[in-house]
Amino acid sequence: MLLGIPGFQHPVALSSLTDADLDEFDAVFTPGGHGPMVDLADNADAGRLLAALHRKQAPIAALCHGPCCCPRPNGPTGCGCSTVTG
């Protein structure tokens, strides 16, 4: 059950994480729906996490509208992400 996972009991804001903290992530999944378009598409902290994962070639999964939060190659956190699989 999710409540048994400590990270779900005390979530932290991405803005409070250092670059070293972000490097500890193994992967990320962005859900679909309109939420990512409103909350994550231009979120610099989400972009920092995605860029950190991209640099180490870690999995970045996104469903439906989720890819809208991926940094654009020419954006502020542009990491050169360009491969999308369906």
C-alpha atoms as a PDB file:
ATOM      1  CA  MET A   1       0.000   0.000   0.000  1.00  0.00           C
ATOM      2  CA  LEU A   2       1.250   3.487  -0.813  1.00  0.00           C
ATOM      3  CA  LEU A   3       0.828   4.708   2.756  1.00  0.00           C
ATOM      4  CA  GLY A   4       3.547   2.254   3.785  1.00  0.00           C
ATOM      5  CA  ILE A   5       6.118   4.069   1.620  1.00  0.00           C
ATOM      6  CA  PRO A   6       7.795   6.858   3.647  1.00  0.00           C
ATOM      7  CA  GLY A   7       8.092   9.179   0.644  1.00  0.00           C
ATOM      8  CA  PHE A   8       4.319   9.220   0.266  1.00  0.00           C
ATOM      9  CA  GLN A   9       3.828  10.099   3.944  1.00  0.00           C
ATOM     10  CA  HIS A  10       6.126  13.140   3.828  1.00  0.00           C
ATOM     11  CA  PRO A  11       6.476  14.405   0.250  1.00  0.00           C
ATOM     12  CA  VAL A  12       8.950  17.174  -0.458  1.00  0.00           C
ATOM     13  CA  ALA A  13       8.786  20.024  -2.938  1.00  0.00           C
ATOM     14  CA  LEU A  14      11.061  19.636  -5.961  1.00  0.00           C
ATOM     15  CA  SER A  15      12.180  23.216  -5.343  1.00  0.00           C
ATOM     16  CA  SER A  16      13.764  22.129  -2.046  1.00  0.00           C
ATOM     17  CA  LEU A  17      15.962  19.478  -3.698  1.00  0.00           C
ATOM     18  CA  THR A  18      19.572  20.118  -4.657  1.00  0.00           C
ATOM     19  CA  ASP A  19      21.078  18.943  -7.922  1.00  0.00           C
ATOM     20  CA  ALA A  20      22.689  16.101  -5.963  1.00  0.00           C
ATOM     21  CA  ASP A  21      19.246  15.094  -4.643  1.00  0.00           C
ATOM     22  CA  LEU A  22      17.826  15.096  -8.173  1.00  0.00           C
ATOM     23  CA  ASP A  23      20.664  12.838  -9.323  1.00  0.00           C
ATOM     24  CA  GLU A  24      19.395  10.182  -6.901  1.00  0.00           C
ATOM     25  CA  PHE A  25      16.153   9.719  -8.851  1.00  0.00           C
ATOM     26  CA  ASP A  26      16.068   6.562 -10.967  1.00  0.00           C
ATOM     27  CA  ALA A  27      13.109   7.428 -13.197  1.00  0.00           C
ATOM     28  CA  VAL A  28      10.014   9.596 -13.409  1.00  0.00           C
ATOM     29  CA  PHE A  29       6.450   9.031 -14.595  1.00  0.00           C
ATOM     30  CA  THR A  30       4.256  11.970 -15.559  1.00  0.00           C
ATOM     31  CA  PRO A  31       0.528  11.204 -15.594  1.00  0.00           C
ATOM     32  CA  GLY A  32      -1.881  12.245 -18.284  1.00  0.00           C
ATOM     33  CA  GLY A  33      -4.802  14.597 -18.091  1.00  0.00           C
ATOM     34  CA  HIS A  34      -4.810  18.360 -17.974  1.00  0.00           C
ATOM     35  CA  GLY A  35      -2.926  18.615 -14.647  1.00  0.00           C
ATOM     36  CA  PRO A  36       0.546  18.390 -16.199  1.00  0.00           C
ATOM     37  CA  MET A  37      -0.382  21.060 -18.725  1.00  0.00           C
ATOM     38  CA  VAL A  38      -1.344  23.463 -15.949  1.00  0.00           C
ATOM     39  CA  ASP A  39       1.074  22.527 -13.161  1.00  0.00           C
ATOM     40  CA  LEU A  40       4.166  21.101 -14.862  1.00  0.00           C
ATOM     41  CA  ALA A  41       4.508  22.409 -18.410  1.00  0.00           C
ATOM     42  CA  ASP A  42       6.436  25.529 -17.381  1.00  0.00           C
ATOM     43  CA  ASN A  43       7.579  24.383 -13.936  1.00  0.00           C
ATOM     44  CA  ALA A  44      11.325  25.033 -13.715  1.00  0.00           C
ATOM     45  CA  ASP A  45      11.779  22.517 -10.892  1.00  0.00           C
ATOM     46  CA  ALA A  46      10.105  19.723 -12.838  1.00  0.00           C
ATOM     47  CA  GLY A  47      12.337  20.712 -15.760  1.00  0.00           C
ATOM     48  CA  ARG A  48      15.419  20.413 -13.524  1.00  0.00           C
ATOM     49  CA  LEU A  49      14.409  16.868 -12.560  1.00  0.00           C
ATOM     50  CA  LEU A  50      13.724  15.831 -16.143  1.00  0.00           C
ATOM     51  CA  ALA A  51      16.994  17.343 -17.349  1.00  0.00           C
ATOM     52  CA  ALA A  52      18.911  15.501 -14.592  1.00  0.00           C
ATOM     53  CA  LEU A  53      17.320  12.206 -15.602  1.00  0.00           C
ATOM     54  CA  HIS A  54      17.966  12.860 -19.280  1.00  0.00           C
ATOM     55  CA  ARG A  55      21.662  13.548 -18.621  1.00  0.00           C
ATOM     56  CA  LYS A  56      22.095  10.120 -17.073  1.00  0.00           C
ATOM     57  CA  GLN A  57      19.829   8.484 -19.673  1.00  0.00           C
ATOM     58  CA  ALA A  58      17.313   7.366 -17.037  1.00  0.00           C
ATOM     59  CA  PRO A  59      13.739   6.452 -17.972  1.00  0.00           C
ATOM     60  CA  ILE A  60      11.271   9.294 -18.373  1.00  0.00           C
ATOM     61  CA  ALA A  61       7.739   8.024 -18.925  1.00  0.00           C
ATOM     62  CA  ALA A  62       4.767  10.207 -19.751  1.00  0.00           C
ATOM     63  CA  LEU A  63       1.189   9.301 -20.538  1.00  0.00           C
ATOM     64  CA  CYS A  64      -1.342  11.217 -22.622  1.00  0.00           C
ATOM     65  CA  HIS A  65      -0.726  14.951 -21.898  1.00  0.00           C
ATOM     66  CA  GLY A  66       2.322  14.125 -19.740  1.00  0.00           C
ATOM     67  CA  PRO A  67       4.926  14.857 -22.447  1.00  0.00           C
ATOM     68  CA  CYS A  68       3.989  18.547 -22.282  1.00  0.00           C
ATOM     69  CA  CYS A  69       6.189  18.820 -19.188  1.00  0.00           C
ATOM     70  CA  CYS A  70       9.315  17.586 -20.969  1.00  0.00           C
ATOM     71  CA  PRO A  71      11.809  20.412 -21.422  1.00  0.00           C
ATOM     72  CA  ARG A  72      11.896  21.801 -24.928  1.00  0.00           C
ATOM     73  CA  PRO A  73      15.325  21.660 -26.597  1.00  0.00           C
ATOM     74  CA  ASN A  74      15.398  25.451 -26.836  1.00  0.00           C
ATOM     75  CA  GLY A  75      13.628  26.105 -23.535  1.00  0.00           C
ATOM     76  CA  PRO A  76      15.095  27.379 -20.282  1.00  0.00           C
ATOM     77  CA  THR A  77      16.124  23.881 -19.183  1.00  0.00           C
ATOM     78  CA  GLY A  78      16.653  22.616 -22.723  1.00  0.00           C
ATOM     79  CA  CYS A  79      18.267  19.236 -22.424  1.00  0.00           C
ATOM     80  CA  GLY A  80      17.980  18.275 -26.074  1.00  0.00           C
ATOM     81  CA  CYS A  81      15.208  15.730 -25.475  1.00  0.00           C
ATOM     82  CA  SER A  82      13.941  14.749 -28.872  1.00  0.00           C
ATOM     83  CA  THR A  83      12.965  11.068 -28.932  1.00  0.00           C
ATOM     84  CA  VAL A  84       9.322  10.253 -28.405  1.00  0.00           C
ATOM     85  CA  THR A  85       8.019   6.720 -28.679  1.00  0.00           C
ATOM     86  CA  GLY A  86       4.399   5.699 -28.842  1.00  0.00           C
END
